[in-house]
Amino acid sequence: MQLKDAVLYLLLVFVPYAAFCQESNPTSAPTEPVPSAPNFSNDEIRELIRQVAEKDLENDKKQRNYTYIEREEEHKLDGKGKVKSTETKTYEIMELYGGQVQRLIAKNDKPLSEKDAAKEEEKIQKIIDKRKNETEDEHKRRQEKEERNREEGRQFVREIADAYNFRLVGTEQLGGRNTWVLDADPRPGYQPHHKDGKYLPKFRFRAWIDKTETQWAKLDIQCIDTVSWGLFIARIHKGSRIVIEQTRVNDEVWLPKHVALKLDARIALLKNFNVEEDLTYNDYKKFRAATKIVPLGEVREQDK
C-alpha cells in the first residue's frame, strides 16, 4: 500500500506496511526506538523518501501478479468508544483481465451461504464477461487510465518529500530486519502543487524503512487536525489513525501484511463514523503473467 493510498484511505474510503507498535491498537503511541544512527540532513532524508516511494510504486505493479486473501474486521464504536458491533469479511483478491477483483468468500469467518455464494459467482462472472469482450479501444482506454493513476502516484510522492520536515529518530528491528525510523512533521510554509497535496499538512507520520532493501516496512499515519472538504460534505476528525505493515514476499516484492485503522468521521452533518478496522493479508501466490484468465471453476496456473 502506497503512502498516497494510506492517506486517501483515511480521506476517501471511510471504512487500503502482523503487529504494530507493541502489538497494540492504533491509538497507542509508537514505541520510541533507541537512537543509533548517523545524523542525516533533511535533504538526504527527502532523497531517501523519494527512492523508497518510487520502489513502492513498483511494488504496486508487481502486486498485480499475485492472488491473496484479505480479511477485514470492523468494529463499530459507541459514543464512549466501546465496541457495539463487530463484522468480518474475507475476500479472495485476484487479477482478471488486467484488473484486481475482490471475491467475497466468508462472512464472520463462516463460508457464504449457497445463495450468497451464487450471487458472488454471478458478480465475478459478469466482470469476466465484460472484460474478455473488451474491444481494443476499450482495453487501451483502461490501460491509459491505470497509467494516469500511476503518474498521479508519482506526483504525489514528490509532494510527500517536500511537504514535511524529517527527523531520523534511530534504528529498530522489525520482523527480524533492521530499519531506519523516521518522523515526519508538516513543513511550515509548504505550498502544494498536487491536487491532493493540500491535505498533507493535516497529517504527520512515522516510517520504518528497511535498511537493506530501502523499502517501507511500516507506516504510522496520524490525523493532527480536522480535515474537511466541501461546506458540509465530509469531515475527518483529529485523532484518526492508520498503521500499515508490509512484508517481503517471494524475495522480490514488499506487500501489505497488516493494516489497523481508527476513524472518527462525519458525513453531511448527519452520520457519524466511529470505527476501528483491522485488515490482514496472507496466502500470497504468484501466477504467470502469460497465464490465460479462464471462467470460474477452472484453476489458474500458479508459479511453484
Protein backbone atom coordinates (compact mmCIF):
# COMPACT_ATOMS: atom_id res chain seq x y z
CA MET A 1 0.00 0.00 0.00
CA GLN A 2 1.47 3.30 -1.08
CA LEU A 3 1.69 6.28 1.26
CA LYS A 4 -0.72 8.11 -1.00
CA ASP A 5 -3.16 5.21 -0.73
CA ALA A 6 -2.86 5.27 3.05
CA VAL A 7 -3.70 8.96 3.30
CA LEU A 8 -6.55 8.64 0.80
CA TYR A 9 -7.78 5.60 2.71
CA LEU A 10 -8.38 7.94 5.63
CA LEU A 11 -9.70 10.73 3.43
CA LEU A 12 -11.97 8.97 0.99
CA VAL A 13 -12.74 5.35 1.81
CA PHE A 14 -14.19 5.84 5.33
CA VAL A 15 -14.24 2.32 6.03
CA PRO A 16 -6.31 0.44 1.99
CA TYR A 17 3.03 -1.53 5.78
CA ALA A 18 1.11 -8.58 11.91
CA ALA A 19 1.70 -6.27 14.54
CA PHE A 20 2.34 -2.63 15.13
CA CYS A 21 3.91 -0.73 17.97
CA GLN A 22 3.96 -3.12 20.93
CA GLU A 23 1.26 -5.06 19.04
CA SER A 24 -1.32 -2.71 20.50
CA ASN A 25 -4.28 -0.94 18.96
CA PRO A 26 -3.63 2.03 16.66
CA THR A 27 -4.45 4.58 19.34
CA SER A 28 -1.33 3.76 21.35
CA ALA A 29 1.81 5.83 20.92
CA PRO A 30 4.67 4.38 18.88
CA THR A 31 7.48 2.74 20.79
CA GLU A 32 10.49 5.07 20.86
CA PRO A 33 13.46 3.22 19.35
CA VAL A 34 16.96 3.58 20.72
CA PRO A 35 18.79 6.15 18.57
CA SER A 36 21.88 4.68 16.98
CA ALA A 37 22.10 6.25 13.56
CA PRO A 38 24.10 8.92 11.75
CA ASN A 39 22.74 12.43 11.59
CA PHE A 40 21.12 12.64 8.13
CA SER A 41 20.18 16.04 6.78
CA ASN A 42 16.61 16.82 5.71
CA ASP A 43 17.71 16.85 2.07
CA GLU A 44 19.30 13.41 2.43
CA ILE A 45 16.18 12.04 4.07
CA ARG A 46 13.97 13.59 1.37
CA GLU A 47 16.01 11.82 -1.29
CA LEU A 48 15.67 8.58 0.68
CA ILE A 49 11.89 9.07 0.84
CA ARG A 50 11.77 9.60 -2.93
CA GLN A 51 13.74 6.40 -3.54
CA VAL A 52 11.58 4.37 -1.15
CA ALA A 53 8.33 5.72 -2.57
CA GLU A 54 9.44 5.01 -6.15
CA LYS A 55 10.15 1.41 -5.13
CA ASP A 56 6.69 1.25 -3.59
CA LEU A 57 5.17 2.19 -6.94
CA GLU A 58 6.99 -0.81 -8.39
CA ASN A 59 5.59 -2.95 -5.57
CA ASP A 60 2.13 -1.80 -6.56
CA LYS A 61 2.66 -3.01 -10.12
CA LYS A 62 4.12 -6.34 -9.01
CA GLN A 63 1.22 -6.92 -6.62
CA ARG A 64 -0.99 -7.40 -9.66
CA ASN A 65 0.89 -10.63 -10.35
CA TYR A 66 -0.35 -12.10 -7.07
CA THR A 67 -3.55 -13.54 -5.70
CA TYR A 68 -4.07 -13.32 -1.95
CA ILE A 69 -6.58 -13.42 0.89
CA GLU A 70 -7.75 -10.25 2.64
CA ARG A 71 -9.65 -10.40 5.93
CA GLU A 72 -11.43 -7.26 7.14
CA GLU A 73 -12.65 -6.95 10.72
CA GLU A 74 -14.72 -3.87 11.50
CA HIS A 75 -15.66 -2.70 14.99
CA LYS A 76 -18.34 -0.02 15.23
CA LEU A 77 -17.96 2.07 18.38
CA ASP A 78 -20.49 3.92 20.50
CA GLY A 79 -20.12 7.46 21.78
CA LYS A 80 -17.92 6.25 24.64
CA GLY A 81 -15.56 4.39 22.33
CA LYS A 82 -16.84 0.94 23.30
CA VAL A 83 -17.45 -1.72 20.65
CA LYS A 84 -21.16 -2.07 19.87
CA SER A 85 -20.89 -4.43 16.88
CA THR A 86 -18.28 -6.44 15.00
CA GLU A 87 -18.35 -7.78 11.45
CA THR A 88 -15.73 -9.64 9.45
CA LYS A 89 -15.49 -10.26 5.73
CA THR A 90 -12.90 -12.37 3.93
CA TYR A 91 -12.04 -11.84 0.28
CA GLU A 92 -10.00 -13.60 -2.34
CA ILE A 93 -8.18 -10.96 -4.39
CA MET A 94 -7.48 -11.99 -7.96
CA GLU A 95 -6.45 -10.45 -11.25
CA LEU A 96 -8.97 -10.64 -14.09
CA TYR A 97 -8.02 -9.26 -17.49
CA GLY A 98 -5.66 -6.62 -16.16
CA GLY A 99 -7.64 -5.52 -13.11
CA GLN A 100 -7.90 -6.63 -9.50
CA VAL A 101 -11.20 -8.06 -8.29
CA GLN A 102 -12.45 -8.86 -4.78
CA ARG A 103 -14.36 -12.10 -4.39
CA LEU A 104 -16.19 -12.43 -1.06
CA ILE A 105 -15.63 -15.93 0.35
CA ALA A 106 -16.67 -15.67 4.03
CA LYS A 107 -18.67 -13.55 6.48
CA ASN A 108 -17.89 -13.55 10.18
CA ASP A 109 -15.36 -16.30 9.49
CA LYS A 110 -18.04 -18.63 8.12
CA PRO A 111 -18.39 -19.74 4.47
CA LEU A 112 -21.06 -17.97 2.45
CA SER A 113 -24.50 -19.48 2.21
CA GLU A 114 -25.33 -21.13 -1.11
CA LYS A 115 -27.44 -18.11 -2.03
CA ASP A 116 -24.73 -15.56 -1.21
CA ALA A 117 -22.04 -17.67 -2.90
CA ALA A 118 -24.14 -17.86 -6.07
CA LYS A 119 -24.57 -14.07 -6.06
CA GLU A 120 -20.83 -13.61 -5.69
CA GLU A 121 -20.07 -16.04 -8.52
CA GLU A 122 -22.57 -14.21 -10.72
CA LYS A 123 -20.93 -10.87 -9.94
CA ILE A 124 -17.46 -12.17 -10.81
CA GLN A 125 -18.70 -13.85 -13.97
CA LYS A 126 -20.19 -10.55 -15.15
CA ILE A 127 -16.79 -8.91 -14.69
CA ILE A 128 -15.13 -11.71 -16.65
CA ASP A 129 -17.67 -11.47 -19.46
CA LYS A 130 -17.30 -7.70 -19.67
CA ARG A 131 -13.51 -7.68 -19.67
CA LYS A 132 -12.92 -10.59 -22.01
CA ASN A 133 -15.23 -8.95 -24.55
CA GLU A 134 -13.49 -5.59 -24.40
CA THR A 135 -12.70 -4.02 -27.72
CA GLU A 136 -9.13 -2.99 -28.44
CA ASP A 137 -10.07 0.65 -27.85
CA GLU A 138 -11.77 -0.13 -24.52
CA HIS A 139 -8.74 -2.11 -23.36
CA LYS A 140 -6.45 0.73 -24.40
CA ARG A 141 -8.54 3.30 -22.52
CA ARG A 142 -8.48 1.17 -19.37
CA GLN A 143 -4.70 0.81 -19.57
CA GLU A 144 -4.31 4.54 -20.15
CA LYS A 145 -6.44 5.23 -17.08
CA GLU A 146 -4.24 2.93 -14.99
CA GLU A 147 -1.13 4.71 -16.23
CA ARG A 148 -2.66 8.08 -15.34
CA ASN A 149 -3.31 6.77 -11.84
CA ARG A 150 0.31 5.62 -11.57
CA GLU A 151 1.51 9.03 -12.71
CA GLU A 152 -0.74 10.62 -10.08
CA GLY A 153 1.05 8.47 -7.53
CA ARG A 154 4.45 9.62 -8.76
CA GLN A 155 3.43 13.27 -8.50
CA PHE A 156 2.07 12.73 -5.01
CA VAL A 157 5.40 11.16 -4.00
CA ARG A 158 7.16 14.40 -4.87
CA GLU A 159 4.69 16.28 -2.68
CA ILE A 160 5.37 13.99 0.29
CA ALA A 161 9.10 14.58 0.10
CA ASP A 162 8.60 18.36 0.01
CA ALA A 163 5.67 18.67 2.42
CA TYR A 164 7.44 17.51 5.58
CA ASN A 165 10.41 18.13 7.79
CA PHE A 166 12.04 14.78 8.55
CA ARG A 167 13.97 13.59 11.56
CA LEU A 168 15.92 10.35 11.81
CA VAL A 169 14.82 9.01 15.20
CA GLY A 170 17.09 5.98 15.19
CA THR A 171 17.03 2.31 14.24
CA GLU A 172 14.79 -0.56 15.24
CA GLN A 173 14.44 -4.26 14.45
CA LEU A 174 11.12 -5.07 12.82
CA GLY A 175 10.29 -8.65 11.95
CA GLY A 176 13.93 -9.59 12.36
CA ARG A 177 15.09 -6.90 9.92
CA ASN A 178 16.95 -3.66 10.65
CA THR A 179 15.10 -0.46 9.85
CA TRP A 180 15.65 3.28 9.90
CA VAL A 181 12.93 5.06 11.88
CA LEU A 182 11.90 8.49 10.57
CA ASP A 183 9.46 11.06 11.93
CA ALA A 184 7.75 13.43 9.50
CA ASP A 185 6.02 16.64 10.60
CA PRO A 186 4.31 19.16 8.29
CA ARG A 187 6.74 21.75 6.98
CA PRO A 188 5.70 25.35 7.70
CA GLY A 189 5.15 27.36 4.55
CA TYR A 190 4.60 24.31 2.34
CA GLN A 191 2.64 25.16 -0.82
CA PRO A 192 1.06 22.11 -2.50
CA HIS A 193 1.30 21.51 -6.23
CA HIS A 194 -0.63 18.24 -6.43
CA LYS A 195 -4.43 18.45 -6.02
CA ASP A 196 -4.34 16.12 -3.01
CA GLY A 197 -1.27 17.79 -1.51
CA LYS A 198 -3.43 20.28 0.39
CA TYR A 199 -4.38 17.52 2.82
CA LEU A 200 -0.82 16.59 3.75
CA PRO A 201 -0.36 19.30 6.43
CA LYS A 202 -3.25 17.66 8.30
CA PHE A 203 -1.18 14.52 8.88
CA ARG A 204 2.09 13.50 10.47
CA PHE A 205 3.69 10.09 10.18
CA ARG A 206 6.43 7.79 11.37
CA ALA A 207 8.07 5.49 8.82
CA TRP A 208 10.17 2.37 9.29
CA ILE A 209 12.43 1.85 6.26
CA ASP A 210 14.22 -1.44 5.68
CA LYS A 211 17.95 -0.64 5.65
CA THR A 212 18.92 -3.49 3.32
CA GLU A 213 16.30 -3.04 0.59
CA THR A 214 15.21 0.59 1.12
CA GLN A 215 11.53 -0.32 1.33
CA TRP A 216 8.66 0.82 3.52
CA ALA A 217 8.35 -1.75 6.29
CA LYS A 218 5.80 0.13 8.34
CA LEU A 219 3.90 3.42 8.39
CA ASP A 220 2.04 5.08 11.25
CA ILE A 221 -0.05 8.00 9.94
CA GLN A 222 -1.98 10.28 12.30
CA CYS A 223 -4.52 12.98 11.59
CA ILE A 224 -3.42 16.01 13.61
CA ASP A 225 -6.10 18.48 12.52
CA THR A 226 -9.69 18.22 11.32
CA VAL A 227 -9.88 17.51 7.60
CA SER A 228 -12.89 18.92 5.76
CA TRP A 229 -13.96 19.10 2.15
CA GLY A 230 -16.99 20.85 0.80
CA LEU A 231 -19.03 23.01 3.16
CA PHE A 232 -20.90 20.09 4.70
CA ILE A 233 -19.88 17.06 2.66
CA ALA A 234 -17.48 15.24 4.95
CA ARG A 235 -15.09 15.70 7.84
CA ILE A 236 -12.39 13.54 9.41
CA HIS A 237 -11.58 14.39 12.99
CA LYS A 238 -8.23 14.82 14.66
CA GLY A 239 -7.01 11.54 16.14
CA SER A 240 -7.95 9.30 13.24
CA ARG A 241 -5.06 7.00 12.52
CA ILE A 242 -3.84 4.26 10.19
CA VAL A 243 -0.95 1.87 10.87
CA ILE A 244 0.33 -0.24 7.98
CA GLU A 245 2.90 -3.01 7.96
CA GLN A 246 4.40 -4.64 4.89
CA THR A 247 6.29 -7.90 4.43
CA ARG A 248 8.78 -9.24 1.92
CA VAL A 249 7.14 -11.75 -0.43
CA ASN A 250 8.82 -14.26 -2.73
CA ASP A 251 12.18 -12.47 -2.41
CA GLU A 252 11.05 -9.90 -4.97
CA VAL A 253 8.35 -7.56 -3.63
CA TRP A 254 7.07 -5.92 -0.45
CA LEU A 255 3.30 -6.27 0.05
CA PRO A 256 0.78 -5.40 2.78
CA LYS A 257 0.64 -7.67 5.80
CA HIS A 258 -1.48 -5.78 8.31
CA VAL A 259 -3.49 -2.55 8.40
CA ALA A 260 -5.12 -1.07 11.51
CA LEU A 261 -7.42 1.92 11.11
CA LYS A 262 -9.14 4.12 13.67
CA LEU A 263 -11.57 6.53 12.03
CA ASP A 264 -13.68 9.28 13.55
CA ALA A 265 -15.60 11.00 10.76
CA ARG A 266 -18.84 12.72 9.89
CA ILE A 267 -20.71 12.91 6.58
CA ALA A 268 -23.12 15.69 5.61
CA LEU A 269 -23.61 16.72 9.26
CA LEU A 270 -25.89 13.71 9.60
CA LYS A 271 -23.99 10.45 10.01
CA ASN A 272 -21.03 9.79 12.28
CA PHE A 273 -18.49 7.08 11.58
CA ASN A 274 -16.59 5.93 14.65
CA VAL A 275 -14.97 2.66 13.67
CA GLU A 276 -11.85 0.59 14.06
CA GLU A 277 -10.81 -1.72 11.23
CA ASP A 278 -8.21 -4.46 11.21
CA LEU A 279 -7.13 -5.91 7.87
CA THR A 280 -4.80 -8.86 7.42
CA TYR A 281 -3.29 -10.14 4.16
CA ASN A 282 -1.93 -13.63 3.62
CA ASP A 283 -1.55 -16.56 1.25
CA TYR A 284 0.18 -14.55 -1.47
CA LYS A 285 0.53 -16.68 -4.60
CA LYS A 286 2.18 -15.57 -7.81
CA PHE A 287 0.70 -16.52 -11.14
CA ARG A 288 2.38 -16.44 -14.50
CA ALA A 289 1.93 -13.14 -16.31
CA ALA A 290 1.14 -15.01 -19.51
CA THR A 291 -1.48 -17.23 -17.90
CA LYS A 292 -4.86 -17.01 -19.57
CA ILE A 293 -7.73 -15.98 -17.31
CA VAL A 294 -10.49 -18.56 -17.62
CA PRO A 295 -14.06 -18.79 -16.28
CA LEU A 296 -14.53 -19.52 -12.60
CA GLY A 297 -14.18 -23.13 -11.61
CA GLU A 298 -11.08 -23.66 -13.70
CA VAL A 299 -7.73 -23.49 -11.97
CA ARG A 300 -5.28 -20.75 -12.86
CA GLU A 301 -1.71 -21.98 -13.23
CA GLN A 302 0.48 -20.96 -10.31
CA ASP A 303 4.20 -20.46 -10.09
CA LYS A 304 5.83 -23.10 -7.93
